[in-house]
Amino acid sequence: MSTKNTKPIATDPADDKQFAFDRENYKWVLIGLALIVVGFLLMAGGGSSNPDVFSKGIFSFQRWTLAPLLVLAGYIVEIYAIMKKPKN
């Protein structure tokens, strides 16, 4: 049975303060989240106040085309924000 003299590995204190993302990455994350929220808000509504009356407003361009494209763009921006390398 051998005993090794193990010392803890010294780490540089500057390395402990490094973040995974840069300020620009967080900016892109917030832009992506804003696009997603706006897309879901545009999808909301379109119903009728009277349940016996059909509202054609649910089939508008805003709800069927624009809102899903904004949500998709938001997810693409989020992927870009995560994959983008910091400038350090």
N, C-alpha and C. Protein backbone atom coordinates (compact mmCIF):
# COMPACT_ATOMS: atom_id res chain seq x y z
N MET A 1 0.85 -1.17 0.00
CA MET A 1 0.00 0.00 0.00
C MET A 1 0.89 1.23 0.00
N SER A 2 0.72 2.05 -1.02
CA SER A 2 1.56 3.24 -1.12
C SER A 2 0.71 4.47 -0.86
N THR A 3 1.33 5.41 -0.25
CA THR A 3 0.64 6.67 0.01
C THR A 3 1.31 7.75 -0.80
N LYS A 4 0.53 8.43 -1.55
CA LYS A 4 1.06 9.51 -2.37
C LYS A 4 0.86 10.83 -1.64
N ASN A 5 1.80 11.69 -1.83
CA ASN A 5 1.67 13.01 -1.26
C ASN A 5 0.90 13.87 -2.27
N THR A 6 -0.40 13.97 -2.08
CA THR A 6 -1.21 14.73 -3.03
C THR A 6 -1.48 16.11 -2.47
N LYS A 7 -1.25 17.07 -3.31
CA LYS A 7 -1.52 18.46 -2.94
C LYS A 7 -2.68 18.95 -3.80
N PRO A 8 -3.49 19.80 -3.23
CA PRO A 8 -4.57 20.34 -4.06
C PRO A 8 -3.99 21.18 -5.20
N ILE A 9 -4.64 21.09 -6.34
CA ILE A 9 -4.18 21.83 -7.51
C ILE A 9 -4.53 23.30 -7.31
N ALA A 10 -3.53 24.13 -7.46
CA ALA A 10 -3.76 25.57 -7.31
C ALA A 10 -4.45 26.09 -8.56
N THR A 11 -5.50 26.83 -8.36
CA THR A 11 -6.21 27.42 -9.48
C THR A 11 -6.00 28.91 -9.47
N ASP A 12 -6.03 29.47 -10.63
CA ASP A 12 -5.88 30.91 -10.77
C ASP A 12 -7.18 31.58 -10.36
N PRO A 13 -7.14 32.56 -9.45
CA PRO A 13 -8.38 33.21 -9.02
C PRO A 13 -9.10 33.91 -10.18
N ALA A 14 -8.37 34.33 -11.20
CA ALA A 14 -9.01 34.97 -12.34
C ALA A 14 -9.88 33.98 -13.12
N ASP A 15 -9.52 32.69 -13.11
CA ASP A 15 -10.31 31.69 -13.82
C ASP A 15 -11.66 31.46 -13.15
N ASP A 16 -11.74 31.66 -11.84
CA ASP A 16 -12.99 31.44 -11.13
C ASP A 16 -14.03 32.50 -11.48
N LYS A 17 -13.61 33.66 -11.95
CA LYS A 17 -14.53 34.74 -12.24
C LYS A 17 -14.97 34.75 -13.70
N GLN A 18 -14.57 33.77 -14.47
CA GLN A 18 -14.98 33.69 -15.87
C GLN A 18 -16.40 33.16 -15.97
N PHE A 19 -17.16 33.76 -16.84
CA PHE A 19 -18.52 33.30 -17.10
C PHE A 19 -18.55 32.53 -18.41
N ALA A 20 -19.55 31.72 -18.56
CA ALA A 20 -19.66 30.94 -19.80
C ALA A 20 -20.03 31.83 -20.98
N PHE A 21 -20.80 32.90 -20.70
CA PHE A 21 -21.24 33.79 -21.76
C PHE A 21 -20.66 35.18 -21.57
N ASP A 22 -20.56 35.89 -22.67
CA ASP A 22 -20.11 37.26 -22.67
C ASP A 22 -21.34 38.17 -22.58
N ARG A 23 -21.10 39.46 -22.41
CA ARG A 23 -22.21 40.41 -22.35
C ARG A 23 -23.04 40.38 -23.63
N GLU A 24 -22.37 40.20 -24.77
CA GLU A 24 -23.08 40.15 -26.05
C GLU A 24 -23.97 38.91 -26.14
N ASN A 25 -23.53 37.80 -25.58
CA ASN A 25 -24.37 36.59 -25.57
C ASN A 25 -25.67 36.85 -24.81
N TYR A 26 -25.57 37.50 -23.67
CA TYR A 26 -26.77 37.78 -22.88
C TYR A 26 -27.68 38.75 -23.62
N LYS A 27 -27.10 39.69 -24.37
CA LYS A 27 -27.91 40.61 -25.16
C LYS A 27 -28.73 39.82 -26.18
N TRP A 28 -28.09 38.86 -26.87
CA TRP A 28 -28.79 38.05 -27.86
C TRP A 28 -29.85 37.16 -27.21
N VAL A 29 -29.57 36.66 -26.00
CA VAL A 29 -30.56 35.85 -25.28
C VAL A 29 -31.81 36.68 -25.00
N LEU A 30 -31.62 37.92 -24.55
CA LEU A 30 -32.77 38.78 -24.26
C LEU A 30 -33.54 39.14 -25.52
N ILE A 31 -32.84 39.36 -26.63
CA ILE A 31 -33.52 39.64 -27.90
C ILE A 31 -34.36 38.43 -28.32
N GLY A 32 -33.79 37.23 -28.20
CA GLY A 32 -34.52 36.02 -28.55
C GLY A 32 -35.75 35.81 -27.67
N LEU A 33 -35.60 36.05 -26.37
CA LEU A 33 -36.74 35.92 -25.47
C LEU A 33 -37.83 36.93 -25.80
N ALA A 34 -37.43 38.15 -26.16
CA ALA A 34 -38.42 39.17 -26.53
C ALA A 34 -39.18 38.75 -27.78
N LEU A 35 -38.49 38.18 -28.77
CA LEU A 35 -39.16 37.71 -29.98
C LEU A 35 -40.16 36.60 -29.67
N ILE A 36 -39.77 35.69 -28.81
CA ILE A 36 -40.66 34.59 -28.44
C ILE A 36 -41.90 35.10 -27.71
N VAL A 37 -41.70 36.02 -26.77
CA VAL A 37 -42.84 36.56 -26.01
C VAL A 37 -43.78 37.33 -26.93
N VAL A 38 -43.22 38.16 -27.82
CA VAL A 38 -44.06 38.92 -28.75
C VAL A 38 -44.83 37.96 -29.66
N GLY A 39 -44.18 36.91 -30.12
CA GLY A 39 -44.85 35.93 -30.97
C GLY A 39 -46.02 35.27 -30.27
N PHE A 40 -45.83 34.87 -29.02
CA PHE A 40 -46.93 34.24 -28.29
C PHE A 40 -48.03 35.23 -27.96
N LEU A 41 -47.68 36.49 -27.70
CA LEU A 41 -48.72 37.49 -27.46
C LEU A 41 -49.55 37.75 -28.72
N LEU A 42 -48.90 37.72 -29.89
CA LEU A 42 -49.64 37.91 -31.13
C LEU A 42 -50.56 36.72 -31.43
N MET A 43 -50.21 35.54 -30.93
CA MET A 43 -51.06 34.37 -31.14
C MET A 43 -52.29 34.38 -30.25
N ALA A 44 -52.24 35.11 -29.16
CA ALA A 44 -53.33 35.11 -28.18
C ALA A 44 -54.57 35.81 -28.75
N GLY A 45 -55.70 35.45 -28.24
CA GLY A 45 -56.94 36.11 -28.61
C GLY A 45 -57.58 35.49 -29.83
N GLY A 46 -58.45 36.26 -30.45
CA GLY A 46 -59.14 35.78 -31.65
C GLY A 46 -60.42 35.06 -31.37
N GLY A 47 -60.74 34.92 -30.10
CA GLY A 47 -61.98 34.23 -29.76
C GLY A 47 -63.17 35.17 -29.84
N SER A 48 -64.31 34.64 -29.60
CA SER A 48 -65.54 35.40 -29.64
C SER A 48 -66.08 35.54 -28.22
N SER A 49 -66.72 36.66 -27.94
CA SER A 49 -67.30 36.84 -26.61
C SER A 49 -68.55 35.96 -26.43
N ASN A 50 -69.18 35.62 -27.54
CA ASN A 50 -70.34 34.75 -27.50
C ASN A 50 -69.93 33.38 -28.04
N PRO A 51 -70.05 32.32 -27.23
CA PRO A 51 -69.61 31.00 -27.69
C PRO A 51 -70.44 30.43 -28.85
N ASP A 52 -71.62 30.99 -29.09
CA ASP A 52 -72.46 30.50 -30.17
C ASP A 52 -72.13 31.13 -31.52
N VAL A 53 -71.27 32.16 -31.51
CA VAL A 53 -70.93 32.88 -32.74
C VAL A 53 -69.49 32.57 -33.10
N PHE A 54 -69.28 32.16 -34.35
CA PHE A 54 -67.92 31.84 -34.83
C PHE A 54 -67.21 33.12 -35.25
N SER A 55 -65.97 33.27 -34.81
CA SER A 55 -65.19 34.45 -35.15
C SER A 55 -64.11 34.06 -36.17
N LYS A 56 -64.11 34.73 -37.33
CA LYS A 56 -63.09 34.44 -38.33
C LYS A 56 -61.76 35.10 -38.01
N GLY A 57 -61.73 35.90 -36.95
CA GLY A 57 -60.49 36.57 -36.54
C GLY A 57 -59.40 35.62 -36.11
N ILE A 58 -59.76 34.39 -35.79
CA ILE A 58 -58.76 33.41 -35.38
C ILE A 58 -57.88 32.99 -36.56
N PHE A 59 -58.35 33.18 -37.78
CA PHE A 59 -57.59 32.78 -38.95
C PHE A 59 -56.87 33.95 -39.61
N SER A 60 -56.52 34.96 -38.85
CA SER A 60 -55.87 36.13 -39.42
C SER A 60 -54.40 35.86 -39.72
N PHE A 61 -53.82 36.68 -40.58
CA PHE A 61 -52.40 36.58 -40.94
C PHE A 61 -51.52 36.68 -39.70
N GLN A 62 -51.92 37.54 -38.78
CA GLN A 62 -51.14 37.76 -37.56
C GLN A 62 -51.00 36.48 -36.74
N ARG A 63 -52.07 35.73 -36.61
CA ARG A 63 -52.06 34.54 -35.76
C ARG A 63 -51.52 33.30 -36.47
N TRP A 64 -51.70 33.21 -37.77
CA TRP A 64 -51.31 32.00 -38.49
C TRP A 64 -49.94 32.08 -39.12
N THR A 65 -49.45 33.27 -39.41
CA THR A 65 -48.18 33.39 -40.12
C THR A 65 -47.15 34.20 -39.34
N LEU A 66 -47.51 35.41 -38.98
CA LEU A 66 -46.55 36.32 -38.35
C LEU A 66 -46.10 35.82 -36.98
N ALA A 67 -47.02 35.45 -36.12
CA ALA A 67 -46.68 35.01 -34.77
C ALA A 67 -45.80 33.75 -34.76
N PRO A 68 -46.14 32.70 -35.51
CA PRO A 68 -45.25 31.54 -35.51
C PRO A 68 -43.86 31.84 -36.07
N LEU A 69 -43.78 32.72 -37.07
CA LEU A 69 -42.47 33.10 -37.61
C LEU A 69 -41.65 33.84 -36.57
N LEU A 70 -42.28 34.70 -35.77
CA LEU A 70 -41.56 35.40 -34.71
C LEU A 70 -41.06 34.43 -33.64
N VAL A 71 -41.89 33.47 -33.28
CA VAL A 71 -41.46 32.47 -32.28
C VAL A 71 -40.30 31.65 -32.83
N LEU A 72 -40.39 31.23 -34.07
CA LEU A 72 -39.30 30.47 -34.69
C LEU A 72 -38.02 31.30 -34.76
N ALA A 73 -38.15 32.56 -35.13
CA ALA A 73 -36.98 33.45 -35.17
C ALA A 73 -36.39 33.62 -33.78
N GLY A 74 -37.24 33.68 -32.77
CA GLY A 74 -36.74 33.79 -31.40
C GLY A 74 -35.94 32.58 -30.98
N TYR A 75 -36.41 31.39 -31.35
CA TYR A 75 -35.66 30.18 -31.02
C TYR A 75 -34.34 30.11 -31.78
N ILE A 76 -34.32 30.58 -33.01
CA ILE A 76 -33.08 30.60 -33.78
C ILE A 76 -32.08 31.57 -33.15
N VAL A 77 -32.57 32.72 -32.71
CA VAL A 77 -31.70 33.69 -32.04
C VAL A 77 -31.16 33.10 -30.73
N GLU A 78 -31.98 32.36 -30.02
CA GLU A 78 -31.53 31.71 -28.78
C GLU A 78 -30.42 30.70 -29.06
N ILE A 79 -30.56 29.92 -30.09
CA ILE A 79 -29.52 28.95 -30.45
C ILE A 79 -28.24 29.68 -30.82
N TYR A 80 -28.36 30.77 -31.57
CA TYR A 80 -27.19 31.57 -31.93
C TYR A 80 -26.52 32.13 -30.67
N ALA A 81 -27.33 32.63 -29.73
CA ALA A 81 -26.77 33.21 -28.51
C ALA A 81 -26.01 32.18 -27.69
N ILE A 82 -26.50 30.96 -27.68
CA ILE A 82 -25.83 29.91 -26.91
C ILE A 82 -24.56 29.44 -27.61
N MET A 83 -24.60 29.34 -28.94
CA MET A 83 -23.47 28.79 -29.68
C MET A 83 -22.36 29.82 -29.94
N LYS A 84 -22.66 31.11 -29.84
CA LYS A 84 -21.68 32.15 -30.14
C LYS A 84 -20.55 32.14 -29.11
N LYS A 85 -19.34 32.13 -29.62
CA LYS A 85 -18.18 32.12 -28.73
C LYS A 85 -17.92 33.52 -28.17
N PRO A 86 -17.58 33.60 -26.89
CA PRO A 86 -17.21 34.91 -26.33
C PRO A 86 -15.93 35.42 -26.97
N LYS A 87 -15.74 36.72 -26.93
CA LYS A 87 -14.58 37.34 -27.59
C LYS A 87 -13.29 37.16 -26.80
N ASN A 88 -13.34 36.69 -25.57
CA ASN A 88 -12.12 36.56 -24.72
C ASN A 88 -11.11 35.70 -25.40
